[in-house]
Amino acid sequence: MANKSKDTVAYTLIDIDGPADAELISMLRSVEGVYRVRVIK
């Protein structure tokens, strides 16, 4: 996991061992303050 910020905006990269299923993506999107979830295949 990596996290970078500039002023009030930050991004976090999360590397997982397997494919991201719909439930995981939904859980990440439901976190307060998360603006976007992007899956890179």
PDB file of N, CA and C in Angstrom:
ATOM      1  N   MET A   1       0.851  -1.165   0.000  1.00  0.00           N
ATOM      2  CA  MET A   1       0.000   0.000   0.000  1.00  0.00           C
ATOM      3  C   MET A   1       0.900   1.233   0.000  1.00  0.00           C
ATOM      4  N   ALA A   2       0.486   2.237  -0.764  1.00  0.00           N
ATOM      5  CA  ALA A   2       1.208   3.503  -0.811  1.00  0.00           C
ATOM      6  C   ALA A   2       0.204   4.639  -0.686  1.00  0.00           C
ATOM      7  N   ASN A   3       0.611   5.711  -0.016  1.00  0.00           N
ATOM      8  CA  ASN A   3      -0.270   6.859   0.163  1.00  0.00           C
ATOM      9  C   ASN A   3       0.528   8.132  -0.084  1.00  0.00           C
ATOM     10  N   LYS A   4      -0.010   9.009  -0.915  1.00  0.00           N
ATOM     11  CA  LYS A   4       0.614  10.302  -1.203  1.00  0.00           C
ATOM     12  C   LYS A   4      -0.439  11.387  -1.055  1.00  0.00           C
ATOM     13  N   SER A   5      -0.015  12.576  -0.608  1.00  0.00           N
ATOM     14  CA  SER A   5      -0.975  13.664  -0.458  1.00  0.00           C
ATOM     15  C   SER A   5      -0.354  14.981  -0.886  1.00  0.00           C
ATOM     16  N   LYS A   6      -1.248  15.911  -1.232  1.00  0.00           N
ATOM     17  CA  LYS A   6      -0.871  17.283  -1.553  1.00  0.00           C
ATOM     18  C   LYS A   6      -2.003  18.167  -1.060  1.00  0.00           C
ATOM     19  N   ASP A   7      -1.697  18.995  -0.088  1.00  0.00           N
ATOM     20  CA  ASP A   7      -2.707  19.833   0.571  1.00  0.00           C
ATOM     21  C   ASP A   7      -3.803  18.957   1.151  1.00  0.00           C
ATOM     22  N   THR A   8      -5.043  19.109   0.683  1.00  0.00           N
ATOM     23  CA  THR A   8      -6.166  18.364   1.256  1.00  0.00           C
ATOM     24  C   THR A   8      -6.575  17.156   0.422  1.00  0.00           C
ATOM     25  N   VAL A   9      -5.824  16.844  -0.634  1.00  0.00           N
ATOM     26  CA  VAL A   9      -6.161  15.722  -1.513  1.00  0.00           C
ATOM     27  C   VAL A   9      -5.065  14.662  -1.398  1.00  0.00           C
ATOM     28  N   ALA A  10      -5.481  13.389  -1.353  1.00  0.00           N
ATOM     29  CA  ALA A  10      -4.521  12.287  -1.265  1.00  0.00           C
ATOM     30  C   ALA A  10      -4.994  11.130  -2.120  1.00  0.00           C
ATOM     31  N   TYR A  11      -4.054  10.263  -2.457  1.00  0.00           N
ATOM     32  CA  TYR A  11      -4.440   9.028  -3.135  1.00  0.00           C
ATOM     33  C   TYR A  11      -3.733   7.868  -2.467  1.00  0.00           C
ATOM     34  N   THR A  12      -4.379   6.718  -2.531  1.00  0.00           N
ATOM     35  CA  THR A  12      -3.829   5.506  -1.937  1.00  0.00           C
ATOM     36  C   THR A  12      -3.895   4.397  -2.974  1.00  0.00           C
ATOM     37  N   LEU A  13      -2.781   3.694  -3.147  1.00  0.00           N
ATOM     38  CA  LEU A  13      -2.724   2.534  -4.032  1.00  0.00           C
ATOM     39  C   LEU A  13      -2.727   1.286  -3.164  1.00  0.00           C
ATOM     40  N   ILE A  14      -3.595   0.347  -3.503  1.00  0.00           N
ATOM     41  CA  ILE A  14      -3.682  -0.902  -2.756  1.00  0.00           C
ATOM     42  C   ILE A  14      -3.453  -2.039  -3.731  1.00  0.00           C
ATOM     43  N   ASP A  15      -2.453  -2.865  -3.469  1.00  0.00           N
ATOM     44  CA  ASP A  15      -2.130  -4.014  -4.306  1.00  0.00           C
ATOM     45  C   ASP A  15      -2.648  -5.265  -3.612  1.00  0.00           C
ATOM     46  N   ILE A  16      -3.514  -6.011  -4.300  1.00  0.00           N
ATOM     47  CA  ILE A  16      -4.056  -7.233  -3.707  1.00  0.00           C
ATOM     48  C   ILE A  16      -3.583  -8.433  -4.524  1.00  0.00           C
ATOM     49  N   ASP A  17      -3.620  -9.611  -3.917  1.00  0.00           N
ATOM     50  CA  ASP A  17      -3.096 -10.825  -4.550  1.00  0.00           C
ATOM     51  C   ASP A  17      -4.014 -11.426  -5.611  1.00  0.00           C
ATOM     52  N   GLY A  18      -5.288 -11.113  -5.566  1.00  0.00           N
ATOM     53  CA  GLY A  18      -6.236 -11.709  -6.502  1.00  0.00           C
ATOM     54  C   GLY A  18      -7.112 -10.652  -7.125  1.00  0.00           C
ATOM     55  N   PRO A  19      -8.064 -11.091  -7.945  1.00  0.00           N
ATOM     56  CA  PRO A  19      -8.970 -10.126  -8.576  1.00  0.00           C
ATOM     57  C   PRO A  19      -9.882  -9.444  -7.548  1.00  0.00           C
ATOM     58  N   ALA A  20     -10.221  -8.196  -7.825  1.00  0.00           N
ATOM     59  CA  ALA A  20     -11.117  -7.440  -6.945  1.00  0.00           C
ATOM     60  C   ALA A  20     -12.556  -7.751  -7.340  1.00  0.00           C
ATOM     61  N   ASP A  21     -13.280  -8.407  -6.440  1.00  0.00           N
ATOM     62  CA  ASP A  21     -14.670  -8.729  -6.756  1.00  0.00           C
ATOM     63  C   ASP A  21     -15.577  -7.532  -6.466  1.00  0.00           C
ATOM     64  N   ALA A  22     -16.808  -7.626  -6.885  1.00  0.00           N
ATOM     65  CA  ALA A  22     -17.768  -6.530  -6.762  1.00  0.00           C
ATOM     66  C   ALA A  22     -17.984  -6.125  -5.308  1.00  0.00           C
ATOM     67  N   GLU A  23     -17.957  -7.087  -4.392  1.00  0.00           N
ATOM     68  CA  GLU A  23     -18.170  -6.781  -2.971  1.00  0.00           C
ATOM     69  C   GLU A  23     -17.024  -5.920  -2.423  1.00  0.00           C
ATOM     70  N   LEU A  24     -15.791  -6.252  -2.758  1.00  0.00           N
ATOM     71  CA  LEU A  24     -14.641  -5.473  -2.302  1.00  0.00           C
ATOM     72  C   LEU A  24     -14.690  -4.054  -2.854  1.00  0.00           C
ATOM     73  N   ILE A  25     -14.993  -3.920  -4.125  1.00  0.00           N
ATOM     74  CA  ILE A  25     -15.082  -2.600  -4.750  1.00  0.00           C
ATOM     75  C   ILE A  25     -16.174  -1.774  -4.087  1.00  0.00           C
ATOM     76  N   SER A  26     -17.309  -2.398  -3.815  1.00  0.00           N
ATOM     77  CA  SER A  26     -18.410  -1.709  -3.146  1.00  0.00           C
ATOM     78  C   SER A  26     -18.017  -1.256  -1.744  1.00  0.00           C
ATOM     79  N   MET A  27     -17.297  -2.098  -1.015  1.00  0.00           N
ATOM     80  CA  MET A  27     -16.855  -1.739   0.339  1.00  0.00           C
ATOM     81  C   MET A  27     -15.895  -0.552   0.298  1.00  0.00           C
ATOM     82  N   LEU A  28     -14.980  -0.538  -0.658  1.00  0.00           N
ATOM     83  CA  LEU A  28     -14.044   0.578  -0.770  1.00  0.00           C
ATOM     84  C   LEU A  28     -14.768   1.871  -1.124  1.00  0.00           C
ATOM     85  N   ARG A  29     -15.746   1.793  -2.015  1.00  0.00           N
ATOM     86  CA  ARG A  29     -16.517   2.983  -2.405  1.00  0.00           C
ATOM     87  C   ARG A  29     -17.347   3.533  -1.254  1.00  0.00           C
ATOM     88  N   SER A  30     -17.718   2.679  -0.308  1.00  0.00           N
ATOM     89  CA  SER A  30     -18.577   3.122   0.797  1.00  0.00           C
ATOM     90  C   SER A  30     -17.783   3.809   1.916  1.00  0.00           C
ATOM     91  N   VAL A  31     -16.459   3.787   1.851  1.00  0.00           N
ATOM     92  CA  VAL A  31     -15.631   4.434   2.869  1.00  0.00           C
ATOM     93  C   VAL A  31     -15.801   5.947   2.759  1.00  0.00           C
ATOM     94  N   GLU A  32     -16.072   6.590   3.887  1.00  0.00           N
ATOM     95  CA  GLU A  32     -16.272   8.036   3.900  1.00  0.00           C
ATOM     96  C   GLU A  32     -15.014   8.751   3.393  1.00  0.00           C
ATOM     97  N   GLY A  33     -15.206   9.694   2.496  1.00  0.00           N
ATOM     98  CA  GLY A  33     -14.100  10.469   1.952  1.00  0.00           C
ATOM     99  C   GLY A  33     -13.497   9.908   0.677  1.00  0.00           C
ATOM    100  N   VAL A  34     -13.898   8.688   0.293  1.00  0.00           N
ATOM    101  CA  VAL A  34     -13.386   8.100  -0.950  1.00  0.00           C
ATOM    102  C   VAL A  34     -14.154   8.709  -2.111  1.00  0.00           C
ATOM    103  N   TYR A  35     -13.412   9.314  -3.034  1.00  0.00           N
ATOM    104  CA  TYR A  35     -14.033   9.951  -4.196  1.00  0.00           C
ATOM    105  C   TYR A  35     -14.163   8.992  -5.370  1.00  0.00           C
ATOM    106  N   ARG A  36     -13.179   8.107  -5.541  1.00  0.00           N
ATOM    107  CA  ARG A  36     -13.214   7.213  -6.693  1.00  0.00           C
ATOM    108  C   ARG A  36     -12.438   5.943  -6.366  1.00  0.00           C
ATOM    109  N   VAL A  37     -12.936   4.830  -6.905  1.00  0.00           N
ATOM    110  CA  VAL A  37     -12.231   3.553  -6.824  1.00  0.00           C
ATOM    111  C   VAL A  37     -11.975   3.128  -8.261  1.00  0.00           C
ATOM    112  N   ARG A  38     -10.712   2.843  -8.549  1.00  0.00           N
ATOM    113  CA  ARG A  38     -10.340   2.448  -9.903  1.00  0.00           C
ATOM    114  C   ARG A  38      -9.615   1.115  -9.844  1.00  0.00           C
ATOM    115  N   VAL A  39     -10.087   0.148 -10.641  1.00  0.00           N
ATOM    116  CA  VAL A  39      -9.475  -1.169 -10.703  1.00  0.00           C
ATOM    117  C   VAL A  39      -8.627  -1.234 -11.962  1.00  0.00           C
ATOM    118  N   ILE A  40      -7.354  -1.554 -11.795  1.00  0.00           N
ATOM    119  CA  ILE A  40      -6.436  -1.710 -12.924  1.00  0.00           C
ATOM    120  C   ILE A  40      -6.137  -3.197 -13.058  1.00  0.00           C
ATOM    121  N   LYS A  41      -6.428  -3.733 -14.215  1.00  0.00           N
ATOM    122  CA  LYS A  41      -6.226  -5.175 -14.449  1.00  0.00           C
ATOM    123  C   LYS A  41      -4.928  -5.426 -15.153  1.00  0.00           C
TER     124      LYS A  41
END
